[in-house]
Structure formats: C-alpha cells, structure tokens
Amino acid sequence: MAEPTWTPAFACPECGSTLVAPVMAGAPTGSLICHSCDTEVARREGILRFLSSTRLAEIEPALAQYRRVREQDGYRQHGAAYYQALPQVDRGDPQHAVWRIRQESFHHLCSRVLRRLGRRPLRVLDLGAGNGWLSHRLTLLGHACVALDWLDDLDDGLGAARHYPTTFIRLQADFDQLPVVAGQFDVVIFNASLHYSANPSATLRYADEALVDGGALVVMDSPVFDSDADGCRMLAERQHGFTERIGRPVQWGVGYLTVEALKRAASEAGLILRRIPSRGGPGWAFKRWIAGRKLQRQPASFGIWSFAGRAT
C-alpha cells in the first residue's frame, strides 16, 4: 500500500506528550514512542494500537457481544467488491434499509457539509469507523483520513481496509481519549457511533478539541428521538430482542440521542447546530408512519447533525 498523504501528530495515551517514530537502520520502525514516559505504541497489521492490554481486557466482553450481534445481522462480509461498493449494497442485503440511509447521509455530508468548508483536501477524523467504508470513500475524493475504532476485525473492523485500494491511517483507540494532538482536523465525524458513548456531551467536547478553528464536528446516523420516553421504549425493545437472540441483554453506551441533548451540547460548546435529515428513499414517510403505528412510539430519525462555526 502507498503511504498516507498526511499523518497527524499523535499524543501519548499515558501522559499526553507528542509521540515520535523511532528510527532503526535509517528507517522508521512503524511504532511510536513517548520520550517523556517511555510508553510505546505498536503498529500491527497496519493499525496503531493505542488500547492497553488492560483496556482491551475491560472491553472484550462488549466486543464479543457486538461481534455476535453483527454476525447475526449480516454485516460481516468477505468479498472485496462488497466493501468497495459501500454504502451501496444489493437489494437482497439484510441491511439494505440501513445502508440506504447511510448512502443518503454520505451524499449530504459531501454536498452540504464538506463543501461548505471551502478548502481541499480536508483532514478528516472518522470516529467509530468500523470497516472503514467512509474513510475509503473520502480518500477516493482526495481527502486525508484517519479511521478510529475499537474493533480491528478483518470483516467488520479496521482490518477490512485490506479490501480497499486506498490508504488511510487506522487507530485502535477510545474516542473519549483521542490519541491525537489537539487542533489538527478540519472535520471530525461520529460515523453512526456517538450513541455508543456513555456520555455523548462529554465525548463531543473531547472531539471538538481535535478540530482546527472553523472546523466541523459531525454526528452522522445515530438514532435520534424527540423525547427520552421514545428512546427508552426503543432500548427496551432492543434489550428484549437481544435476550431472545443471544440469551442476555446488551447495552453499548446510552443507545440513542435526543434533539434536546444535541442542542444543549451545541450551546455548551459555543457551536451552531444544523440538522440534515436522511429519509431513506421513496416511500420513507409512509413506512415511518406505519412503523410508528406498529411500535406505538416515534421511530428513530437519522441523518446528519453538524456542529460548526463558533457562535458569537
């Protein structure tokens, strides 16, 4: 693979100092080291491993549940053509409806968020990158991407980058402890991932620190509700379904977002919030009405929430 067009400065996960790439026999080793506390960050299978063994052991039960559910839901594929086509999938794909929304959100991201920034190439931090489809697509458009996730799996994690002709930096890390020096990215995108945070408002504040002045913070395709009541009903339904499927309830983060919480987070950060809904193609409104009647609650909304431009 070719080298990335841009590499950010990385921060030590232990002390916050800037990491450096040691050189042996005149060439970089691939790992990173902190001269302040001697912490070393290894690079294995092309992924910089910022999670300590202790942290990995702590999150492994959640990862095991996540892998099992994703396998059952049909997300773990094996052919390069599938990954390279994302966010487009065949109509027979078990997650066709989900990817139809992702496809629309990607269009909105490019045409109504990234274009507004007025510069190119953009330096993009893709949080909750999963199989890397978004970093791949944005790299094809000429942007410099850094993909971050817990999961490094070959078919549903950062390891799936083996399927792409593009090259982007991959980090196995927490998005509540971003291992990058502040103020480097034009765009930080929570890629269908902010609802996995235990404290979304705090997570947004951490992410905002990674942005350059005038950069954009984007929440894309997390489930959003007008009220906590509807979000809680959705979570209860999911927990019941998980118990039937894998024998136990599953909880990853808060599980959903609310309009009010997003507005409050924007106000606290001094940012202007814009909403760009993704409606899932023809018949979306009718299908949403039917779903609401059946579920007896408001269905989740998806799309883009863009935090940008310091409010004055």
C-alpha atoms as a PDB file:
ATOM      1  CA  MET A   1       0.000   0.000   0.000  1.00  0.00           C
ATOM      2  CA  ALA A   2       1.086   3.591  -0.610  1.00  0.00           C
ATOM      3  CA  GLU A   3       1.911   5.848   2.304  1.00  0.00           C
ATOM      4  CA  PRO A   4      -0.871   8.163   3.567  1.00  0.00           C
ATOM      5  CA  THR A   5      -0.769  11.678   2.134  1.00  0.00           C
ATOM      6  CA  TRP A   6      -0.779  13.201   5.636  1.00  0.00           C
ATOM      7  CA  THR A   7      -0.027  11.902   9.118  1.00  0.00           C
ATOM      8  CA  PRO A   8      -1.248  13.730  12.236  1.00  0.00           C
ATOM      9  CA  ALA A   9       0.810  14.273  15.366  1.00  0.00           C
ATOM     10  CA  PHE A  10      -0.108  11.630  17.925  1.00  0.00           C
ATOM     11  CA  ALA A  11      -0.421  12.069  21.691  1.00  0.00           C
ATOM     12  CA  CYS A  12       0.805   9.616  24.307  1.00  0.00           C
ATOM     13  CA  PRO A  13      -2.162   7.770  25.860  1.00  0.00           C
ATOM     14  CA  GLU A  14      -0.439   7.887  29.255  1.00  0.00           C
ATOM     15  CA  CYS A  15       0.959  11.424  29.629  1.00  0.00           C
ATOM     16  CA  GLY A  16      -0.298  13.350  26.593  1.00  0.00           C
ATOM     17  CA  SER A  17       3.154  14.214  25.214  1.00  0.00           C
ATOM     18  CA  THR A  18       3.702  14.121  21.465  1.00  0.00           C
ATOM     19  CA  LEU A  19       4.798  10.701  20.231  1.00  0.00           C
ATOM     20  CA  VAL A  20       7.679  10.221  17.821  1.00  0.00           C
ATOM     21  CA  ALA A  21       8.509   7.481  15.340  1.00  0.00           C
ATOM     22  CA  PRO A  22      11.828   5.843  16.290  1.00  0.00           C
ATOM     23  CA  VAL A  23      14.285   5.119  13.515  1.00  0.00           C
ATOM     24  CA  MET A  24      16.380   1.980  13.157  1.00  0.00           C
ATOM     25  CA  ALA A  25      18.861   1.360  10.355  1.00  0.00           C
ATOM     26  CA  GLY A  26      17.833   4.663   8.797  1.00  0.00           C
ATOM     27  CA  ALA A  27      14.116   3.846   8.510  1.00  0.00           C
ATOM     28  CA  PRO A  28      11.063   4.356  10.766  1.00  0.00           C
ATOM     29  CA  THR A  29      10.123   1.240  12.758  1.00  0.00           C
ATOM     30  CA  GLY A  30       6.368   1.777  12.397  1.00  0.00           C
ATOM     31  CA  SER A  31       5.811   2.012  16.137  1.00  0.00           C
ATOM     32  CA  LEU A  32       5.575   5.259  18.129  1.00  0.00           C
ATOM     33  CA  ILE A  33       7.314   6.113  21.382  1.00  0.00           C
ATOM     34  CA  CYS A  34       6.948   8.761  24.073  1.00  0.00           C
ATOM     35  CA  HIS A  35      10.240  10.282  25.206  1.00  0.00           C
ATOM     36  CA  SER A  36       8.584  11.652  28.343  1.00  0.00           C
ATOM     37  CA  CYS A  37       7.299   8.398  29.874  1.00  0.00           C
ATOM     38  CA  ASP A  38       8.717   5.694  27.539  1.00  0.00           C
ATOM     39  CA  THR A  39       5.281   4.440  26.512  1.00  0.00           C
ATOM     40  CA  GLU A  40       5.423   2.629  23.165  1.00  0.00           C
ATOM     41  CA  VAL A  41       2.511   2.311  20.759  1.00  0.00           C
ATOM     42  CA  ALA A  42       2.902  -0.679  18.467  1.00  0.00           C
ATOM     43  CA  ARG A  43       1.786  -0.890  14.867  1.00  0.00           C
ATOM     44  CA  ARG A  44       0.449  -4.353  13.973  1.00  0.00           C
ATOM     45  CA  GLU A  45      -1.294  -5.319  10.739  1.00  0.00           C
ATOM     46  CA  GLY A  46      -1.016  -1.655   9.772  1.00  0.00           C
ATOM     47  CA  ILE A  47      -3.040  -0.475  12.791  1.00  0.00           C
ATOM     48  CA  LEU A  48      -1.614   1.715  15.561  1.00  0.00           C
ATOM     49  CA  ARG A  49      -2.605   0.040  18.830  1.00  0.00           C
ATOM     50  CA  PHE A  50      -3.406   2.708  21.393  1.00  0.00           C
ATOM     51  CA  LEU A  51      -5.511   0.434  23.640  1.00  0.00           C
ATOM     52  CA  SER A  52      -3.545  -1.058  26.507  1.00  0.00           C
ATOM     53  CA  SER A  53      -3.861  -4.750  27.367  1.00  0.00           C
ATOM     54  CA  THR A  54      -5.817  -3.726  30.466  1.00  0.00           C
ATOM     55  CA  ARG A  55      -8.261  -1.664  28.431  1.00  0.00           C
ATOM     56  CA  LEU A  56      -8.670  -4.432  25.855  1.00  0.00           C
ATOM     57  CA  ALA A  57      -9.488  -6.932  28.604  1.00  0.00           C
ATOM     58  CA  GLU A  58     -12.039  -4.487  30.008  1.00  0.00           C
ATOM     59  CA  ILE A  59     -13.924  -4.016  26.744  1.00  0.00           C
ATOM     60  CA  GLU A  60     -13.572  -7.548  25.349  1.00  0.00           C
ATOM     61  CA  PRO A  61     -16.943  -8.799  26.751  1.00  0.00           C
ATOM     62  CA  ALA A  62     -18.710  -5.913  24.969  1.00  0.00           C
ATOM     63  CA  LEU A  63     -16.762  -6.584  21.769  1.00  0.00           C
ATOM     64  CA  ALA A  64     -17.667 -10.279  21.872  1.00  0.00           C
ATOM     65  CA  GLN A  65     -21.365  -9.407  22.159  1.00  0.00           C
ATOM     66  CA  TYR A  66     -21.048  -6.827  19.397  1.00  0.00           C
ATOM     67  CA  ARG A  67     -19.376  -9.300  17.024  1.00  0.00           C
ATOM     68  CA  ARG A  68     -22.069 -11.888  17.681  1.00  0.00           C
ATOM     69  CA  VAL A  69     -24.931  -9.483  17.020  1.00  0.00           C
ATOM     70  CA  ARG A  70     -23.290  -8.054  13.909  1.00  0.00           C
ATOM     71  CA  GLU A  71     -22.723 -11.563  12.552  1.00  0.00           C
ATOM     72  CA  GLN A  72     -26.405 -12.387  13.008  1.00  0.00           C
ATOM     73  CA  ASP A  73     -27.431  -9.087  11.400  1.00  0.00           C
ATOM     74  CA  GLY A  74     -25.435  -9.813   8.243  1.00  0.00           C
ATOM     75  CA  TYR A  75     -22.761  -7.127   8.491  1.00  0.00           C
ATOM     76  CA  ARG A  76     -19.738  -9.430   8.358  1.00  0.00           C
ATOM     77  CA  GLN A  77     -18.995  -9.965   4.665  1.00  0.00           C
ATOM     78  CA  HIS A  78     -15.975 -11.480   2.942  1.00  0.00           C
ATOM     79  CA  GLY A  79     -15.663 -10.161  -0.615  1.00  0.00           C
ATOM     80  CA  ALA A  80     -13.681  -7.056  -1.597  1.00  0.00           C
ATOM     81  CA  ALA A  81     -16.401  -5.979  -4.047  1.00  0.00           C
ATOM     82  CA  TYR A  82     -18.919  -5.647  -1.200  1.00  0.00           C
ATOM     83  CA  TYR A  83     -16.718  -3.285   0.807  1.00  0.00           C
ATOM     84  CA  GLN A  84     -15.618  -1.221  -2.169  1.00  0.00           C
ATOM     85  CA  ALA A  85     -19.241  -0.571  -3.146  1.00  0.00           C
ATOM     86  CA  LEU A  86     -20.340   0.672   0.293  1.00  0.00           C
ATOM     87  CA  PRO A  87     -22.526   2.497   1.167  1.00  0.00           C
ATOM     88  CA  GLN A  88     -24.350   0.900  -1.773  1.00  0.00           C
ATOM     89  CA  VAL A  89     -25.498  -2.705  -1.318  1.00  0.00           C
ATOM     90  CA  ASP A  90     -27.703  -5.104  -3.250  1.00  0.00           C
ATOM     91  CA  ARG A  91     -31.434  -5.020  -2.539  1.00  0.00           C
ATOM     92  CA  GLY A  92     -31.178  -8.521  -1.099  1.00  0.00           C
ATOM     93  CA  ASP A  93     -28.695  -7.418   1.576  1.00  0.00           C
ATOM     94  CA  PRO A  94     -30.143  -7.997   5.079  1.00  0.00           C
ATOM     95  CA  GLN A  95     -29.230  -4.405   5.987  1.00  0.00           C
ATOM     96  CA  HIS A  96     -30.319  -2.765   2.738  1.00  0.00           C
ATOM     97  CA  ALA A  97     -32.597  -0.277   4.542  1.00  0.00           C
ATOM     98  CA  VAL A  98     -29.786   0.821   6.861  1.00  0.00           C
ATOM     99  CA  TRP A  99     -27.310   1.280   4.030  1.00  0.00           C
ATOM    100  CA  ARG A 100     -29.902   3.196   2.010  1.00  0.00           C
ATOM    101  CA  ILE A 101     -29.953   5.795   4.775  1.00  0.00           C
ATOM    102  CA  ARG A 102     -26.145   5.756   5.034  1.00  0.00           C
ATOM    103  CA  GLN A 103     -25.946   6.381   1.299  1.00  0.00           C
ATOM    104  CA  GLU A 104     -28.152   9.463   1.570  1.00  0.00           C
ATOM    105  CA  SER A 105     -26.247  10.699   4.618  1.00  0.00           C
ATOM    106  CA  PHE A 106     -22.952  10.333   2.768  1.00  0.00           C
ATOM    107  CA  HIS A 107     -24.351  12.460  -0.066  1.00  0.00           C
ATOM    108  CA  HIS A 108     -25.432  15.144   2.419  1.00  0.00           C
ATOM    109  CA  LEU A 109     -22.046  15.010   4.142  1.00  0.00           C
ATOM    110  CA  CYS A 110     -20.162  15.667   0.921  1.00  0.00           C
ATOM    111  CA  SER A 111     -22.527  18.172  -0.703  1.00  0.00           C
ATOM    112  CA  ARG A 112     -23.776  20.140   2.291  1.00  0.00           C
ATOM    113  CA  VAL A 113     -21.082  19.907   4.974  1.00  0.00           C
ATOM    114  CA  LEU A 114     -17.658  19.279   3.476  1.00  0.00           C
ATOM    115  CA  ARG A 115     -18.240  21.575   0.501  1.00  0.00           C
ATOM    116  CA  ARG A 116     -19.150  24.448   2.838  1.00  0.00           C
ATOM    117  CA  LEU A 117     -15.686  24.320   4.421  1.00  0.00           C
ATOM    118  CA  GLY A 118     -14.300  25.696   1.176  1.00  0.00           C
ATOM    119  CA  ARG A 119     -10.901  24.012   1.263  1.00  0.00           C
ATOM    120  CA  ARG A 120      -9.370  20.841  -0.049  1.00  0.00           C
ATOM    121  CA  PRO A 121      -8.044  18.363   0.768  1.00  0.00           C
ATOM    122  CA  LEU A 122      -9.693  18.075   4.170  1.00  0.00           C
ATOM    123  CA  ARG A 123      -8.124  16.323   7.139  1.00  0.00           C
ATOM    124  CA  VAL A 124     -10.846  14.010   8.451  1.00  0.00           C
ATOM    125  CA  LEU A 125     -11.108  12.032  11.708  1.00  0.00           C
ATOM    126  CA  ASP A 126     -13.575   9.138  11.287  1.00  0.00           C
ATOM    127  CA  LEU A 127     -14.745   8.034  14.751  1.00  0.00           C
ATOM    128  CA  GLY A 128     -16.387   4.618  15.016  1.00  0.00           C
ATOM    129  CA  ALA A 129     -15.045   3.869  11.551  1.00  0.00           C
ATOM    130  CA  GLY A 130     -15.979   0.172  11.616  1.00  0.00           C
ATOM    131  CA  ASN A 131     -14.898  -1.445   8.359  1.00  0.00           C
ATOM    132  CA  GLY A 132     -13.539   1.869   7.100  1.00  0.00           C
ATOM    133  CA  TRP A 133     -16.045   2.446   4.286  1.00  0.00           C
ATOM    134  CA  LEU A 134     -16.346   6.191   4.994  1.00  0.00           C
ATOM    135  CA  SER A 135     -12.585   6.769   5.159  1.00  0.00           C
ATOM    136  CA  HIS A 136     -12.231   4.809   1.919  1.00  0.00           C
ATOM    137  CA  ARG A 137     -14.853   6.894   0.143  1.00  0.00           C
ATOM    138  CA  LEU A 138     -13.469  10.211   1.374  1.00  0.00           C
ATOM    139  CA  THR A 139      -9.916   9.182   0.482  1.00  0.00           C
ATOM    140  CA  LEU A 140     -11.107   8.461  -3.052  1.00  0.00           C
ATOM    141  CA  LEU A 141     -12.354  12.065  -3.146  1.00  0.00           C
ATOM    142  CA  GLY A 142      -8.860  13.283  -2.255  1.00  0.00           C
ATOM    143  CA  HIS A 143      -9.203  13.868   1.484  1.00  0.00           C
ATOM    144  CA  ALA A 144      -6.744  12.655   4.147  1.00  0.00           C
ATOM    145  CA  CYS A 145      -8.496  10.328   6.610  1.00  0.00           C
ATOM    146  CA  VAL A 146      -7.753   8.813   9.999  1.00  0.00           C
ATOM    147  CA  ALA A 147     -10.088   5.937  10.962  1.00  0.00           C
ATOM    148  CA  LEU A 148     -10.561   5.084  14.642  1.00  0.00           C
ATOM    149  CA  ASP A 149     -12.434   2.183  16.214  1.00  0.00           C
ATOM    150  CA  TRP A 150     -12.205  -0.426  18.979  1.00  0.00           C
ATOM    151  CA  LEU A 151     -12.764  -3.258  16.535  1.00  0.00           C
ATOM    152  CA  ASP A 152      -9.853  -4.469  14.414  1.00  0.00           C
ATOM    153  CA  ASP A 153     -11.625  -7.463  12.815  1.00  0.00           C
ATOM    154  CA  LEU A 154     -10.839  -8.402   9.214  1.00  0.00           C
ATOM    155  CA  ASP A 155     -14.502  -8.388   8.122  1.00  0.00           C
ATOM    156  CA  ASP A 156     -16.234  -5.840  10.334  1.00  0.00           C
ATOM    157  CA  GLY A 157     -13.463  -3.699  11.766  1.00  0.00           C
ATOM    158  CA  LEU A 158     -10.331  -1.791  10.867  1.00  0.00           C
ATOM    159  CA  GLY A 159      -8.787  -4.927   9.353  1.00  0.00           C
ATOM    160  CA  ALA A 160     -11.287  -4.722   6.493  1.00  0.00           C
ATOM    161  CA  ALA A 161      -9.116  -1.968   4.996  1.00  0.00           C
ATOM    162  CA  ARG A 162      -7.318  -4.825   3.234  1.00  0.00           C
ATOM    163  CA  HIS A 163     -10.208  -4.751   0.745  1.00  0.00           C
ATOM    164  CA  TYR A 164      -9.684  -1.134  -0.338  1.00  0.00           C
ATOM    165  CA  PRO A 165      -7.317   0.249  -2.975  1.00  0.00           C
ATOM    166  CA  THR A 166      -6.963   3.418  -0.883  1.00  0.00           C
ATOM    167  CA  THR A 167      -4.686   4.022   2.092  1.00  0.00           C
ATOM    168  CA  PHE A 168      -5.698   5.761   5.306  1.00  0.00           C
ATOM    169  CA  ILE A 169      -4.368   5.752   8.860  1.00  0.00           C
ATOM    170  CA  ARG A 170      -6.047   3.361  11.278  1.00  0.00           C
ATOM    171  CA  LEU A 171      -6.093   3.640  15.066  1.00  0.00           C
ATOM    172  CA  GLN A 172      -7.421   1.163  17.606  1.00  0.00           C
ATOM    173  CA  ALA A 173      -8.354   3.597  20.350  1.00  0.00           C
ATOM    174  CA  ASP A 174     -11.088   5.149  22.500  1.00  0.00           C
ATOM    175  CA  PHE A 175     -12.901   8.199  21.213  1.00  0.00           C
ATOM    176  CA  ASP A 176     -13.095   9.517  24.776  1.00  0.00           C
ATOM    177  CA  GLN A 177      -9.292   9.533  24.850  1.00  0.00           C
ATOM    178  CA  LEU A 178      -8.335  10.604  21.346  1.00  0.00           C
ATOM    179  CA  PRO A 179      -4.633   9.870  20.810  1.00  0.00           C
ATOM    180  CA  VAL A 180      -4.029  12.926  18.619  1.00  0.00           C
ATOM    181  CA  VAL A 181      -2.569  16.345  19.337  1.00  0.00           C
ATOM    182  CA  ALA A 182      -5.334  18.972  19.501  1.00  0.00           C
ATOM    183  CA  GLY A 183      -6.246  21.296  16.654  1.00  0.00           C
ATOM    184  CA  GLN A 184      -5.296  19.254  13.581  1.00  0.00           C
ATOM    185  CA  PHE A 185      -8.511  18.152  11.835  1.00  0.00           C
ATOM    186  CA  ASP A 186     -10.853  20.056   9.544  1.00  0.00           C
ATOM    187  CA  VAL A 187     -13.674  17.578  10.174  1.00  0.00           C
ATOM    188  CA  VAL A 188     -14.412  15.106  12.959  1.00  0.00           C
ATOM    189  CA  ILE A 189     -17.212  12.663  12.122  1.00  0.00           C
ATOM    190  CA  PHE A 190     -19.013  10.349  14.524  1.00  0.00           C
ATOM    191  CA  ASN A 191     -19.837   7.651  11.986  1.00  0.00           C
ATOM    192  CA  ALA A 192     -23.056   6.087  13.341  1.00  0.00           C
ATOM    193  CA  SER A 193     -21.224   5.880  16.651  1.00  0.00           C
ATOM    194  CA  LEU A 194     -21.942   8.710  19.120  1.00  0.00           C
ATOM    195  CA  HIS A 195     -24.785   6.734  20.719  1.00  0.00           C
ATOM    196  CA  TYR A 196     -22.173   4.174  21.836  1.00  0.00           C
ATOM    197  CA  SER A 197     -20.754   6.797  24.191  1.00  0.00           C
ATOM    198  CA  ALA A 198     -21.722   6.668  27.859  1.00  0.00           C
ATOM    199  CA  ASN A 199     -21.691  10.484  27.954  1.00  0.00           C
ATOM    200  CA  PRO A 200     -22.274  11.956  24.483  1.00  0.00           C
ATOM    201  CA  SER A 201     -21.957  15.605  25.585  1.00  0.00           C
ATOM    202  CA  ALA A 202     -18.527  14.968  27.094  1.00  0.00           C
ATOM    203  CA  THR A 203     -17.481  12.920  24.071  1.00  0.00           C
ATOM    204  CA  LEU A 204     -18.443  15.803  21.768  1.00  0.00           C
ATOM    205  CA  ARG A 205     -16.326  18.189  23.836  1.00  0.00           C
ATOM    206  CA  TYR A 206     -13.290  15.904  23.543  1.00  0.00           C
ATOM    207  CA  ALA A 207     -13.787  15.650  19.791  1.00  0.00           C
ATOM    208  CA  ASP A 208     -14.141  19.418  19.396  1.00  0.00           C
ATOM    209  CA  GLU A 209     -10.598  19.808  20.751  1.00  0.00           C
ATOM    210  CA  ALA A 210      -9.242  17.877  17.750  1.00  0.00           C
ATOM    211  CA  LEU A 211     -10.581  20.490  15.296  1.00  0.00           C
ATOM    212  CA  VAL A 212      -8.832  23.437  13.724  1.00  0.00           C
ATOM    213  CA  ASP A 213     -10.540  26.813  14.119  1.00  0.00           C
ATOM    214  CA  GLY A 214     -13.547  26.858  11.835  1.00  0.00           C
ATOM    215  CA  GLY A 215     -13.645  23.059  11.565  1.00  0.00           C
ATOM    216  CA  ALA A 216     -16.833  20.988  11.562  1.00  0.00           C
ATOM    217  CA  LEU A 217     -17.984  18.401  14.074  1.00  0.00           C
ATOM    218  CA  VAL A 218     -20.465  15.936  12.535  1.00  0.00           C
ATOM    219  CA  VAL A 219     -22.784  13.383  14.121  1.00  0.00           C
ATOM    220  CA  MET A 220     -23.939  11.044  11.355  1.00  0.00           C
ATOM    221  CA  ASP A 221     -26.610   8.328  11.507  1.00  0.00           C
ATOM    222  CA  SER A 222     -27.014   7.848  15.236  1.00  0.00           C
ATOM    223  CA  PRO A 223     -30.645   7.155  16.240  1.00  0.00           C
ATOM    224  CA  VAL A 224     -32.219  10.419  17.416  1.00  0.00           C
ATOM    225  CA  PHE A 225     -35.576  10.919  19.161  1.00  0.00           C
ATOM    226  CA  ASP A 226     -37.607  13.957  20.131  1.00  0.00           C
ATOM    227  CA  SER A 227     -38.112  12.553  23.614  1.00  0.00           C
ATOM    228  CA  ASP A 228     -36.312  10.318  26.080  1.00  0.00           C
ATOM    229  CA  ALA A 229     -39.530   8.345  26.519  1.00  0.00           C
ATOM    230  CA  ASP A 230     -39.455   7.106  22.925  1.00  0.00           C
ATOM    231  CA  GLY A 231     -35.722   6.404  23.136  1.00  0.00           C
ATOM    232  CA  CYS A 232     -36.217   4.351  26.295  1.00  0.00           C
ATOM    233  CA  ARG A 233     -39.007   2.348  24.638  1.00  0.00           C
ATOM    234  CA  MET A 234     -36.692   1.609  21.723  1.00  0.00           C
ATOM    235  CA  LEU A 235     -33.958   0.437  24.097  1.00  0.00           C
ATOM    236  CA  ALA A 236     -36.399  -1.821  25.954  1.00  0.00           C
ATOM    237  CA  GLU A 237     -37.459  -3.400  22.651  1.00  0.00           C
ATOM    238  CA  ARG A 238     -33.829  -3.959  21.667  1.00  0.00           C
ATOM    239  CA  GLN A 239     -32.933  -5.480  25.019  1.00  0.00           C
ATOM    240  CA  HIS A 240     -35.852  -7.888  24.727  1.00  0.00           C
ATOM    241  CA  GLY A 241     -34.698  -8.822  21.234  1.00  0.00           C
ATOM    242  CA  PHE A 242     -31.089  -9.340  22.329  1.00  0.00           C
ATOM    243  CA  THR A 243     -32.210 -11.545  25.205  1.00  0.00           C
ATOM    244  CA  GLU A 244     -34.166 -13.744  22.802  1.00  0.00           C
ATOM    245  CA  ARG A 245     -31.297 -13.885  20.295  1.00  0.00           C
ATOM    246  CA  ILE A 246     -28.178 -14.305  22.434  1.00  0.00           C
ATOM    247  CA  GLY A 247     -29.594 -15.070  25.857  1.00  0.00           C
ATOM    248  CA  ARG A 248     -28.767 -11.769  27.538  1.00  0.00           C
ATOM    249  CA  PRO A 249     -29.464  -8.034  27.233  1.00  0.00           C
ATOM    250  CA  VAL A 250     -26.810  -5.858  25.608  1.00  0.00           C
ATOM    251  CA  GLN A 251     -26.051  -2.215  26.313  1.00  0.00           C
ATOM    252  CA  TRP A 252     -23.392  -0.217  24.474  1.00  0.00           C
ATOM    253  CA  GLY A 253     -23.354   3.386  25.679  1.00  0.00           C
ATOM    254  CA  VAL A 254     -26.549   5.401  26.039  1.00  0.00           C
ATOM    255  CA  GLY A 255     -28.017   3.747  22.934  1.00  0.00           C
ATOM    256  CA  TYR A 256     -29.714   6.809  21.433  1.00  0.00           C
ATOM    257  CA  LEU A 257     -29.605  10.619  21.296  1.00  0.00           C
ATOM    258  CA  THR A 258     -32.274  13.274  21.710  1.00  0.00           C
ATOM    259  CA  VAL A 259     -32.797  16.535  19.860  1.00  0.00           C
ATOM    260  CA  GLU A 260     -32.704  18.470  23.114  1.00  0.00           C
ATOM    261  CA  ALA A 261     -29.408  16.897  24.212  1.00  0.00           C
ATOM    262  CA  LEU A 262     -27.774  17.726  20.880  1.00  0.00           C
ATOM    263  CA  LYS A 263     -28.969  21.325  21.078  1.00  0.00           C
ATOM    264  CA  ARG A 264     -27.683  21.597  24.636  1.00  0.00           C
ATOM    265  CA  ALA A 265     -24.285  20.171  23.657  1.00  0.00           C
ATOM    266  CA  ALA A 266     -24.006  22.720  20.839  1.00  0.00           C
ATOM    267  CA  SER A 267     -24.911  25.578  23.153  1.00  0.00           C
ATOM    268  CA  GLU A 268     -22.397  24.495  25.799  1.00  0.00           C
ATOM    269  CA  ALA A 269     -19.626  24.231  23.186  1.00  0.00           C
ATOM    270  CA  GLY A 270     -20.482  27.571  21.594  1.00  0.00           C
ATOM    271  CA  LEU A 271     -21.294  25.975  18.250  1.00  0.00           C
ATOM    272  CA  ILE A 272     -24.102  26.398  15.741  1.00  0.00           C
ATOM    273  CA  LEU A 273     -26.135  23.235  15.132  1.00  0.00           C
ATOM    274  CA  ARG A 274     -27.563  22.295  11.722  1.00  0.00           C
ATOM    275  CA  ARG A 275     -29.748  19.272  11.008  1.00  0.00           C
ATOM    276  CA  ILE A 276     -29.832  17.483   7.657  1.00  0.00           C
ATOM    277  CA  PRO A 277     -32.242  14.513   7.797  1.00  0.00           C
ATOM    278  CA  SER A 278     -31.819  11.353   5.732  1.00  0.00           C
ATOM    279  CA  ARG A 279     -35.179   9.939   4.700  1.00  0.00           C
ATOM    280  CA  GLY A 280     -34.285   6.556   3.274  1.00  0.00           C
ATOM    281  CA  GLY A 281     -35.614   6.831  -0.281  1.00  0.00           C
ATOM    282  CA  PRO A 282     -39.085   6.567  -1.876  1.00  0.00           C
ATOM    283  CA  GLY A 283     -41.938   5.714   0.473  1.00  0.00           C
ATOM    284  CA  TRP A 284     -39.933   6.704   3.537  1.00  0.00           C
ATOM    285  CA  ALA A 285     -42.631   8.868   5.125  1.00  0.00           C
ATOM    286  CA  PHE A 286     -45.312   6.202   4.725  1.00  0.00           C
ATOM    287  CA  LYS A 287     -43.067   3.452   6.054  1.00  0.00           C
ATOM    288  CA  ARG A 288     -42.191   5.662   9.018  1.00  0.00           C
ATOM    289  CA  TRP A 289     -45.886   6.264   9.747  1.00  0.00           C
ATOM    290  CA  ILE A 290     -46.589   2.513   9.604  1.00  0.00           C
ATOM    291  CA  ALA A 291     -43.643   1.794  11.894  1.00  0.00           C
ATOM    292  CA  GLY A 292     -44.841   4.378  14.405  1.00  0.00           C
ATOM    293  CA  ARG A 293     -48.313   2.840  14.496  1.00  0.00           C
ATOM    294  CA  LYS A 294     -46.897  -0.639  14.952  1.00  0.00           C
ATOM    295  CA  LEU A 295     -44.342   0.293  17.610  1.00  0.00           C
ATOM    296  CA  GLN A 296     -46.617   2.814  19.355  1.00  0.00           C
ATOM    297  CA  ARG A 297     -43.734   5.231  19.595  1.00  0.00           C
ATOM    298  CA  GLN A 298     -41.817   7.644  17.398  1.00  0.00           C
ATOM    299  CA  PRO A 299     -39.337   5.811  15.157  1.00  0.00           C
ATOM    300  CA  ALA A 300     -35.728   6.982  15.340  1.00  0.00           C
ATOM    301  CA  SER A 301     -34.580   9.700  12.967  1.00  0.00           C
ATOM    302  CA  PHE A 302     -31.257   9.529  11.127  1.00  0.00           C
ATOM    303  CA  GLY A 303     -29.084  11.854   9.111  1.00  0.00           C
ATOM    304  CA  ILE A 304     -26.507  14.498   9.905  1.00  0.00           C
ATOM    305  CA  TRP A 305     -26.158  16.909  12.789  1.00  0.00           C
ATOM    306  CA  SER A 306     -23.385  19.381  12.053  1.00  0.00           C
ATOM    307  CA  PHE A 307     -21.758  21.474  14.776  1.00  0.00           C
ATOM    308  CA  ALA A 308     -19.833  24.284  13.135  1.00  0.00           C
ATOM    309  CA  GLY A 309     -18.887  27.940  13.315  1.00  0.00           C
ATOM    310  CA  ARG A 310     -18.250  29.425  16.722  1.00  0.00           C
ATOM    311  CA  ALA A 311     -21.408  31.145  17.858  1.00  0.00           C
ATOM    312  CA  THR A 312     -20.989  34.828  18.718  1.00  0.00           C
END
